[in-house]
Protein backbone atom coordinates (compact mmCIF):
# COMPACT_ATOMS: atom_id res chain seq x y z
CA UNK A 1 44.76 108.48 160.55
CA UNK A 2 48.50 108.72 161.19
CA UNK A 3 48.66 104.88 160.87
CA UNK A 4 47.01 105.15 157.43
CA UNK A 5 49.49 107.88 156.25
CA UNK A 6 52.35 105.81 157.35
CA UNK A 7 51.18 102.63 155.54
CA UNK A 8 50.74 104.80 152.45
CA UNK A 9 54.23 106.04 152.55
CA UNK A 10 55.79 102.72 153.16
CA UNK A 11 53.74 101.29 150.14
CA UNK A 12 54.86 104.14 147.89
CA UNK A 13 58.64 103.49 148.89
CA UNK A 14 58.04 99.84 148.37
CA UNK A 15 56.68 100.31 144.84
CA UNK A 16 59.51 102.85 143.95
CA UNK A 17 62.21 100.51 145.21
CA UNK A 18 60.84 97.65 143.15
CA UNK A 19 59.71 99.39 140.09
CA UNK A 20 60.24 97.09 137.12
CA UNK A 21 62.79 97.79 134.40
CA UNK A 22 61.25 98.93 131.17
CA UNK A 23 61.13 96.19 128.44
CA UNK A 24 63.27 98.12 126.12
CA UNK A 25 66.19 97.57 128.47
CA UNK A 26 66.36 94.08 127.52
CA UNK A 27 64.32 93.63 124.65
CA UNK A 28 65.07 95.92 121.47
CA UNK A 29 63.38 94.00 118.79
CA UNK A 30 60.93 95.79 116.60
CA UNK A 31 60.26 95.14 113.03
CA UNK A 32 59.20 98.79 112.01
CA UNK A 33 61.92 100.70 113.88
CA UNK A 34 65.41 100.73 115.10
CA UNK A 35 65.95 100.90 118.97
CA UNK A 36 68.90 102.65 120.37
CA UNK A 37 69.72 102.55 124.23
CA UNK A 38 72.40 104.50 125.87
CA UNK A 39 73.55 104.85 129.58
CA UNK A 40 75.59 107.00 131.83
CA UNK A 41 76.53 106.71 135.66
CA UNK A 42 74.71 109.46 137.48
CA UNK A 43 77.97 110.51 139.08
CA UNK A 44 79.18 111.85 135.63
CA UNK A 45 78.70 115.52 134.98
CA UNK A 46 75.97 116.05 132.42
CA UNK A 47 74.85 112.40 132.72
CA UNK A 48 71.51 112.89 131.11
CA UNK A 49 72.95 114.34 127.86
CA UNK A 50 75.74 111.75 127.92
CA UNK A 51 73.19 108.90 128.04
CA UNK A 52 71.21 110.51 125.28
CA UNK A 53 74.20 110.81 123.02
CA UNK A 54 75.13 107.18 123.77
CA UNK A 55 71.68 106.24 122.77
CA UNK A 56 72.01 108.10 119.35
CA UNK A 57 75.52 106.36 118.93
CA UNK A 58 73.80 103.01 119.43
CA UNK A 59 71.21 104.04 116.53
CA UNK A 60 74.01 105.01 114.42
CA UNK A 61 76.12 101.82 114.86
CA UNK A 62 73.14 99.79 113.71
CA UNK A 63 72.58 101.95 110.66
CA UNK A 64 76.31 101.98 109.65
CA UNK A 65 76.35 98.06 109.40
CA UNK A 66 73.40 98.14 106.95
CA UNK A 67 75.52 97.91 103.88
CA UNK A 68 73.64 98.37 100.72
CA UNK A 69 74.01 95.61 98.15
CA UNK A 70 75.37 97.86 95.44
CA UNK A 71 77.44 100.16 97.78
CA UNK A 72 81.22 100.75 97.58
CA UNK A 73 81.94 98.68 100.63
CA UNK A 74 79.80 95.75 99.37
CA UNK A 75 81.34 95.64 95.90
CA UNK A 76 85.00 96.62 96.57
CA UNK A 77 87.54 94.22 98.00
CA UNK A 78 89.67 95.68 100.77
CA UNK A 79 91.96 94.67 103.48
CA UNK A 80 91.00 94.34 107.19
CA UNK A 81 92.60 97.61 108.09
CA UNK A 82 90.63 99.35 105.40
CA UNK A 83 87.33 97.85 106.64
CA UNK A 84 88.10 99.00 110.14
CA UNK A 85 89.00 102.48 108.93
CA UNK A 86 85.72 102.75 106.93
CA UNK A 87 83.72 101.39 109.95
CA UNK A 88 84.84 104.39 112.03
CA UNK A 89 84.14 107.01 109.30
CA UNK A 90 80.73 105.54 108.38
CA UNK A 91 79.61 105.18 112.00
CA UNK A 92 80.28 109.02 112.56
CA UNK A 93 78.37 110.02 109.42
CA UNK A 94 75.40 107.61 110.25
CA UNK A 95 74.26 110.09 113.02
CA UNK A 96 73.20 112.47 110.22
CA UNK A 97 70.54 109.95 109.14
CA UNK A 98 68.76 110.05 112.61
CA UNK A 99 66.48 112.93 111.86
CA UNK A 100 62.90 111.98 113.12
CA UNK A 101 64.08 109.93 115.97
CA UNK A 102 61.65 109.65 119.05
CA UNK A 103 62.24 109.45 122.73
CA UNK A 104 60.73 106.10 124.01
CA UNK A 105 61.72 106.43 127.71
CA UNK A 106 64.22 106.97 130.49
CA UNK A 107 65.10 104.63 133.43
CA UNK A 108 67.09 105.29 136.59
CA UNK A 109 68.73 102.19 138.22
CA UNK A 110 69.40 103.32 141.59
CA UNK A 111 71.15 100.00 142.33
CA UNK A 112 73.81 100.70 139.86
CA UNK A 113 73.45 104.44 139.94
CA UNK A 114 72.98 104.29 136.19
CA UNK A 115 70.70 106.40 133.86
CA UNK A 116 69.28 104.89 130.70
CA UNK A 117 67.75 106.55 127.59
CA UNK A 118 66.06 104.90 124.75
CA UNK A 119 65.45 106.32 121.29
CA UNK A 120 63.30 104.90 118.42
CA UNK A 121 63.84 105.68 114.75
CA UNK A 122 61.05 104.53 112.34
CA UNK A 123 62.51 102.45 109.53
CA UNK A 124 60.39 104.36 107.06
CA UNK A 125 61.75 107.64 108.34
CA UNK A 126 65.29 106.30 108.11
CA UNK A 127 64.61 105.20 104.43
CA UNK A 128 63.43 108.72 103.50
CA UNK A 129 66.57 110.19 105.15
CA UNK A 130 68.84 107.71 103.34
CA UNK A 131 67.15 108.23 100.01
CA UNK A 132 67.55 112.00 100.34
CA UNK A 133 71.12 111.68 101.24
CA UNK A 134 72.00 109.35 98.37
CA UNK A 135 70.31 111.68 95.81
CA UNK A 136 72.48 114.62 97.32
CA UNK A 137 75.78 112.61 97.09
CA UNK A 138 74.89 111.24 93.71
CA UNK A 139 74.45 114.91 92.27
CA UNK A 140 77.66 116.15 94.02
CA UNK A 141 79.72 113.03 92.91
CA UNK A 142 78.46 113.13 89.34
CA UNK A 143 79.68 116.83 88.99
CA UNK A 144 83.10 115.89 90.25
CA UNK A 145 83.17 112.84 87.86
CA UNK A 146 82.22 114.92 84.86
CA UNK A 147 84.93 117.52 85.43
CA UNK A 148 87.58 114.81 86.11
CA UNK A 149 86.55 113.12 82.76
CA UNK A 150 86.74 116.33 80.79
CA UNK A 151 90.26 117.15 82.31
CA UNK A 152 91.41 113.79 81.22
CA UNK A 153 90.10 114.12 77.71
CA UNK A 154 92.26 117.37 77.58
CA UNK A 155 95.37 115.62 78.92
CA UNK A 156 95.23 117.55 82.27
CA UNK A 157 96.02 114.56 84.44
CA UNK A 158 96.78 116.26 87.65
CA UNK A 159 93.55 118.46 87.37
CA UNK A 160 91.59 115.29 86.62
CA UNK A 161 93.22 113.66 89.84
CA UNK A 162 92.05 116.63 91.93
CA UNK A 163 88.46 116.20 90.95
CA UNK A 164 88.60 112.54 91.56
CA UNK A 165 90.02 113.09 95.06
CA UNK A 166 87.45 115.80 95.88
CA UNK A 167 84.62 113.63 94.85
CA UNK A 168 86.02 110.64 96.78
CA UNK A 169 86.55 112.79 99.86
CA UNK A 170 82.80 113.71 99.82
CA UNK A 171 81.75 110.06 99.35
CA UNK A 172 84.06 108.60 101.95
CA UNK A 173 81.77 108.86 105.04
CA UNK A 174 78.82 107.40 103.14
CA UNK A 175 80.32 104.42 101.36
CA UNK A 176 77.73 102.22 102.91
CA UNK A 177 74.99 103.74 100.96
CA UNK A 178 73.87 102.98 97.39
CA UNK A 179 75.90 105.59 95.49
CA UNK A 180 77.04 104.21 92.14
CA UNK A 181 79.10 107.23 91.29
CA UNK A 182 81.36 106.54 94.29
CA UNK A 183 82.40 103.38 92.60
CA UNK A 184 82.92 105.28 89.36
CA UNK A 185 85.02 107.85 90.87
CA UNK A 186 87.18 105.29 92.70
CA UNK A 187 87.68 103.30 89.40
CA UNK A 188 88.43 106.48 87.45
CA UNK A 189 90.92 107.45 90.11
CA UNK A 190 92.71 104.11 89.87
CA UNK A 191 92.72 104.08 86.14
CA UNK A 192 93.89 107.68 85.74
CA UNK A 193 97.37 106.40 85.12
CA UNK A 194 96.33 103.56 82.86
CA UNK A 195 97.25 103.75 79.19
CA UNK A 196 100.08 106.34 79.83
CA UNK A 197 102.83 105.85 77.28
CA UNK A 198 106.24 107.50 76.92
CA UNK A 199 108.04 107.62 73.50
CA UNK A 200 111.44 108.92 72.97
CA UNK A 201 113.04 110.34 69.91
CA UNK A 202 115.66 109.53 68.83
CA UNK A 203 115.52 105.96 70.52
CA UNK A 204 119.27 105.44 69.78
CA UNK A 205 122.34 107.51 69.36
CA UNK A 206 125.94 106.96 68.10
CA UNK A 207 128.23 109.40 70.12
CA UNK A 208 131.66 109.99 71.20
CA UNK A 209 132.35 109.94 74.97
CA UNK A 210 133.04 113.36 76.46
CA UNK A 211 131.42 116.58 75.51
CA UNK A 212 128.37 116.34 73.30
CA UNK A 213 125.32 118.32 72.67
CA UNK A 214 122.20 116.34 71.76
CA UNK A 215 118.45 117.15 72.18
CA UNK A 216 116.23 114.16 73.14
CA UNK A 217 112.51 114.68 73.01
CA UNK A 218 110.01 112.51 75.12
CA UNK A 219 106.16 112.63 74.46
CA UNK A 220 103.69 111.56 77.20
CA UNK A 221 100.28 110.42 75.97
CA UNK A 222 97.14 108.60 77.61
CA UNK A 223 94.96 106.77 75.21
CA UNK A 224 95.96 109.05 72.38
CA UNK A 225 95.72 112.32 74.17
CA UNK A 226 98.74 114.39 75.05
CA UNK A 227 99.37 114.66 78.71
CA UNK A 228 100.41 118.32 79.70
CA UNK A 229 102.51 119.84 82.53
CA UNK A 230 103.71 116.40 83.70
CA UNK A 231 107.26 116.46 85.33
CA UNK A 232 109.51 113.76 83.71
CA UNK A 233 112.86 112.69 84.83
CA UNK A 234 115.91 111.35 83.03
CA UNK A 235 118.59 109.07 84.50
CA UNK A 236 121.44 106.83 83.35
CA UNK A 237 120.79 103.10 84.12
CA UNK A 238 124.07 102.19 82.18
CA UNK A 239 127.03 104.35 81.82
CA UNK A 240 127.15 107.85 83.15
CA UNK A 241 126.89 111.34 81.82
CA UNK A 242 125.15 114.75 82.14
CA UNK A 243 121.56 115.28 80.97
CA UNK A 244 118.75 117.45 81.99
CA UNK A 245 117.27 115.88 85.09
CA UNK A 246 113.69 117.05 85.08
CA UNK A 247 111.52 118.63 82.43
CA UNK A 248 107.67 119.30 82.31
CA UNK A 249 105.60 118.29 79.20
CA UNK A 250 104.24 121.12 77.09
CA UNK A 251 100.97 121.54 75.42
CA UNK A 252 101.89 118.89 72.82
CA UNK A 253 102.94 116.45 75.70
CA UNK A 254 106.55 116.89 74.81
CA UNK A 255 109.41 117.53 77.19
CA UNK A 256 112.94 118.33 75.75
CA UNK A 257 116.06 117.07 77.52
CA UNK A 258 119.75 118.22 76.57
CA UNK A 259 122.46 115.60 76.63
CA UNK A 260 125.84 117.35 77.29
CA UNK A 261 128.24 114.74 78.40
CA UNK A 262 129.09 111.01 78.31
CA UNK A 263 131.52 110.02 80.95
CA UNK A 264 131.90 106.24 80.46
CA UNK A 265 134.28 103.73 79.15
CA UNK A 266 131.41 101.25 78.46
CA UNK A 267 130.46 100.74 74.82
CA UNK A 268 126.83 101.36 75.46
CA UNK A 269 124.91 103.78 77.75
CA UNK A 270 121.19 103.68 78.45
CA UNK A 271 119.09 106.69 79.53
CA UNK A 272 115.74 106.06 81.14
CA UNK A 273 112.86 108.44 81.08
CA UNK A 274 110.02 108.17 83.52
CA UNK A 275 107.60 110.15 85.55
CA UNK A 276 109.45 112.31 88.05
CA UNK A 277 109.49 111.15 91.71
CA UNK A 278 107.37 114.06 92.75
CA UNK A 279 104.35 112.80 90.72
CA UNK A 280 103.84 109.86 93.12
CA UNK A 281 104.72 112.01 96.26
CA UNK A 282 102.06 114.60 95.26
CA UNK A 283 99.26 112.18 95.32
CA UNK A 284 96.68 112.37 98.12
CA UNK A 285 97.77 110.34 101.06
CA UNK A 286 94.14 109.42 101.95
CA UNK A 287 93.76 107.63 98.73
CA UNK A 288 97.33 106.62 97.78
CA UNK A 289 96.94 103.64 100.12
CA UNK A 290 94.04 102.52 98.22
CA UNK A 291 95.78 102.39 94.91
CA UNK A 292 96.73 99.14 93.31
CA UNK A 293 100.27 98.75 92.10
CA UNK A 294 100.71 101.06 89.13
CA UNK A 295 102.83 100.14 85.92
CA UNK A 296 104.56 103.50 85.61
CA UNK A 297 105.58 104.31 82.08
CA UNK A 298 109.05 104.55 80.88
CA UNK A 299 111.09 104.77 77.78
CA UNK A 300 114.78 104.12 77.05
CA UNK A 301 117.24 105.80 74.85
CA UNK A 302 120.23 103.60 73.89
CA UNK A 303 123.45 105.47 73.28
CA UNK A 304 126.32 103.63 71.61
CA UNK A 305 129.56 105.20 72.82
CA UNK A 306 132.70 105.49 70.67
CA UNK A 307 135.35 106.03 73.30
CA UNK A 308 138.28 108.41 72.64
CA UNK A 309 139.91 108.28 75.96
CA UNK A 310 142.29 111.17 76.37
CA UNK A 311 145.57 110.99 78.09
CA UNK A 312 146.06 113.11 81.15
CA UNK A 313 149.04 113.94 83.47
CA UNK A 314 148.25 114.73 87.20
CA UNK A 315 150.87 117.31 88.59
CA UNK A 316 151.16 117.53 92.24
CA UNK A 317 151.65 121.22 92.85
CA UNK A 318 151.45 120.88 96.72
CA UNK A 319 149.05 118.76 98.54
CA UNK A 320 148.72 118.30 102.35
CA UNK A 321 146.74 115.08 101.98
CA UNK A 322 149.21 112.34 101.02
CA UNK A 323 146.41 109.90 99.89
CA UNK A 324 144.72 112.47 97.62
CA UNK A 325 146.68 111.77 94.42
CA UNK A 326 145.83 108.03 94.09
CA UNK A 327 142.25 108.77 94.78
CA UNK A 328 141.99 111.48 91.89
CA UNK A 329 144.02 109.15 89.58
CA UNK A 330 141.19 106.55 90.27
CA UNK A 331 138.31 109.02 89.52
CA UNK A 332 139.80 110.32 86.39
CA UNK A 333 140.76 106.81 85.18
CA UNK A 334 137.01 105.82 85.56
CA UNK A 335 135.75 108.81 83.52
CA UNK A 336 137.22 108.40 79.95
CA UNK A 337 140.93 109.53 80.73
CA UNK A 338 144.03 107.53 80.64
CA UNK A 339 146.48 108.71 83.27
CA UNK A 340 150.02 108.79 82.18
CA UNK A 341 153.16 109.32 84.21
CA UNK A 342 154.73 111.18 81.09
CA UNK A 343 153.76 114.79 80.92
CA UNK A 344 154.93 114.96 77.42
CA UNK A 345 152.52 112.19 76.28
CA UNK A 346 149.51 113.75 77.90
CA UNK A 347 146.71 115.63 76.16
CA UNK A 348 145.40 117.25 79.22
CA UNK A 349 147.59 118.57 81.99
CA UNK A 350 146.00 118.80 85.47
CA UNK A 351 147.67 121.05 88.11
CA UNK A 352 146.51 119.98 91.52
CA UNK A 353 146.89 122.00 94.76
CA UNK A 354 145.48 121.04 98.21
CA UNK A 355 145.83 122.37 101.73
CA UNK A 356 144.25 121.80 105.12
CA UNK A 357 143.71 124.67 107.63
CA UNK A 358 143.28 123.56 111.26
CA UNK A 359 140.71 125.94 112.89
CA UNK A 360 140.68 124.52 116.53
CA UNK A 361 138.86 122.52 119.08
CA UNK A 362 135.02 122.50 119.31
CA UNK A 363 133.52 121.29 122.58
CA UNK A 364 131.15 118.46 122.34
CA UNK A 365 128.65 116.76 124.61
CA UNK A 366 130.40 113.58 124.58
CA UNK A 367 134.03 114.48 123.29
CA UNK A 368 135.56 117.41 121.78
CA UNK A 369 136.22 117.69 117.96
CA UNK A 370 138.86 119.11 115.85
CA UNK A 371 137.67 121.42 113.14
CA UNK A 372 139.62 121.50 109.89
CA UNK A 373 138.82 123.42 106.57
CA UNK A 374 139.94 121.52 103.41
CA UNK A 375 140.59 123.30 100.04
CA UNK A 376 141.31 121.78 96.57
CA UNK A 377 141.97 123.37 93.18
CA UNK A 378 142.47 121.46 89.94
CA UNK A 379 143.23 123.34 86.86
CA UNK A 380 142.88 121.49 83.55
CA UNK A 381 144.86 122.77 80.62
CA UNK A 382 145.29 121.68 77.01
CA UNK A 383 148.84 120.39 77.00
CA UNK A 384 149.49 121.44 73.41
CA UNK A 385 148.11 125.06 73.77
CA UNK A 386 148.52 125.58 77.42
CA UNK A 387 144.91 126.83 77.19
CA UNK A 388 142.95 126.68 80.48
CA UNK A 389 140.06 124.38 79.96
CA UNK A 390 138.31 124.25 83.26
CA UNK A 391 139.01 124.93 87.01
CA UNK A 392 137.54 122.75 89.57
CA UNK A 393 137.68 123.81 93.26
CA UNK A 394 136.50 123.00 96.70
CA UNK A 395 136.68 125.86 99.12
CA UNK A 396 136.86 125.40 102.95
CA UNK A 397 135.11 122.02 103.28
CA UNK A 398 134.45 121.73 106.95
CA UNK A 399 135.66 118.30 108.48
CA UNK A 400 135.14 117.40 112.10
CA UNK A 401 137.18 114.52 113.70
CA UNK A 402 137.51 113.43 117.46
CA UNK A 403 140.09 115.43 119.27
CA UNK A 404 141.82 112.28 120.48
CA UNK A 405 142.62 111.23 117.02
CA UNK A 406 146.16 111.22 115.61
CA UNK A 407 147.27 113.77 112.97
CA UNK A 408 147.30 110.75 110.54
CA UNK A 409 143.65 109.78 111.49
CA UNK A 410 142.59 113.42 111.13
CA UNK A 411 144.06 113.70 107.65
CA UNK A 412 142.55 110.50 106.51
CA UNK A 413 139.10 111.73 107.67
CA UNK A 414 139.78 114.95 105.56
CA UNK A 415 140.65 112.90 102.54
CA UNK A 416 137.51 110.66 102.74
CA UNK A 417 135.25 113.80 103.12
CA UNK A 418 136.87 115.50 100.22
CA UNK A 419 136.76 112.50 97.82
CA UNK A 420 133.15 112.17 98.63
CA UNK A 421 132.61 115.69 97.36
CA UNK A 422 134.72 115.23 94.36
CA UNK A 423 133.17 112.05 93.28
CA UNK A 424 129.74 113.74 93.46
CA UNK A 425 130.68 116.89 91.51
CA UNK A 426 133.72 116.37 89.28
CA UNK A 427 132.64 113.66 86.83
CA UNK A 428 129.71 115.96 85.64
CA UNK A 429 132.24 118.73 84.77
CA UNK A 430 134.52 116.54 82.77
CA UNK A 431 133.26 117.64 79.37
CA UNK A 432 136.32 118.74 77.56
C-alpha cells in the first residue's frame, strides 16, 4: 500500500513538472477575437495583477494600430515625431474599448518563475464598443464645430479658436477611429487665419519730420466679416518715429493708431501694421506644432517726409564723462537736427549736465565690483524765446565695473551704459 502511494505521488510530481504550455502562449491567431497575453515575474509584488494589466495592454496595442480608412491618422500627412506622439496617446485610450474581454487562462512557468495571463476580446464586441465611442465623439465634436463656426461668422476669432482647440482635445486620443468631425475641426482650426485682410486708411501721408498728430485707422476682416478684439501692432520698417504700438480692433474691426512724431532724415518712412506678437504666443502649444506656415496679414502706410532739420547747439554745462558730448552730437544729428558750433545760429539750445557718483565696492563671487551712479540732464530751449521745450533726465543709472579697472575704463563703461539708455529713450521725445 505504501509503495502504491509513493508511486502515485511521484507520478503527480512528474505530471506537474512537465505540464504542457497552453497553446495561447505561442499561438494567438483567432479570426473571431483579439488575443492579449501579458506576463510578470513572480518575484514582483502584485505579480498577478501586473500580468493582467500587461495582457490588457497587449490587447490595447493591437486595437490602436487598427487605423480606420477614413480616420484622421489615415487621411492627414504628418511627420514621424507626430506619428510617434499619436501612437502613445491612442494606445492609452484603446484600453477604454476593451469592455467585454474574457479571461482565457493563466500559466505559471516555474523554470523562469514567470506568470502569464491571456485575455480574449471578441471582435464583434469590440466593434460595438468602437461604434458607441465614435457616435459619442461625433456628437461632442459636432457641438464644438458648430460653436466655432458661429463665432467665426461673428468675427470672434479667438472664441472660435477656443472651440476648435477644445474639440480637438476631445478627439486627440481617438484619432485612429472613424470620426469625420475630427478632420473638420482640424481643417477649421488651420484655416481660421485664412482670408484675414488688413486695410489701412490713409495708405499714404505727406508730413514734415518732427512733431505731428495724425490718426491712422486699420481694419481687420476675414472673408468679409469684421474681426473684433484682435490685438494689432504698428512698427516702422523704414525711418523712425513715435506711433501707438498696440491697439485692439473694436466691434467694426477697426483699430485706431496715433502718429505723433517722425524722427528721420530719410525722404520716405513706412509703417507696418500686423497682428500683435501675443496672438501667435497665445495659441495652444499642443496644436501650434501641427499648424502649417501661416501668411499673417499686414498692411503698410507710406509716409513721405519733408525734412525741416532744426539747428541745435549743445552746451556742455559740466560733464564728468569726457566722451559723452560726441555721442550726444551723433544721436541728435541722426534725428532731424543739425548740430552747429555757433550758439547764435541755433534754433534750439541744449543745456547738458552730467555727473558720476562713486558709491563703493561690492564684493563678488569671482571679483569685486565698483558701483557708480550716473546722472544726466538735458534741457532743450527755444533759442529765440528762451522758452523751455523739454527736459530729459536719467537719474542714478547703476553701473558696475570690475574693481581692477582704471578710472578711465570705469568712466568709459559708464558712458556706454548711459548712451544705451539715451539711444533707447531720447529719440522718441524729440517731438519739438
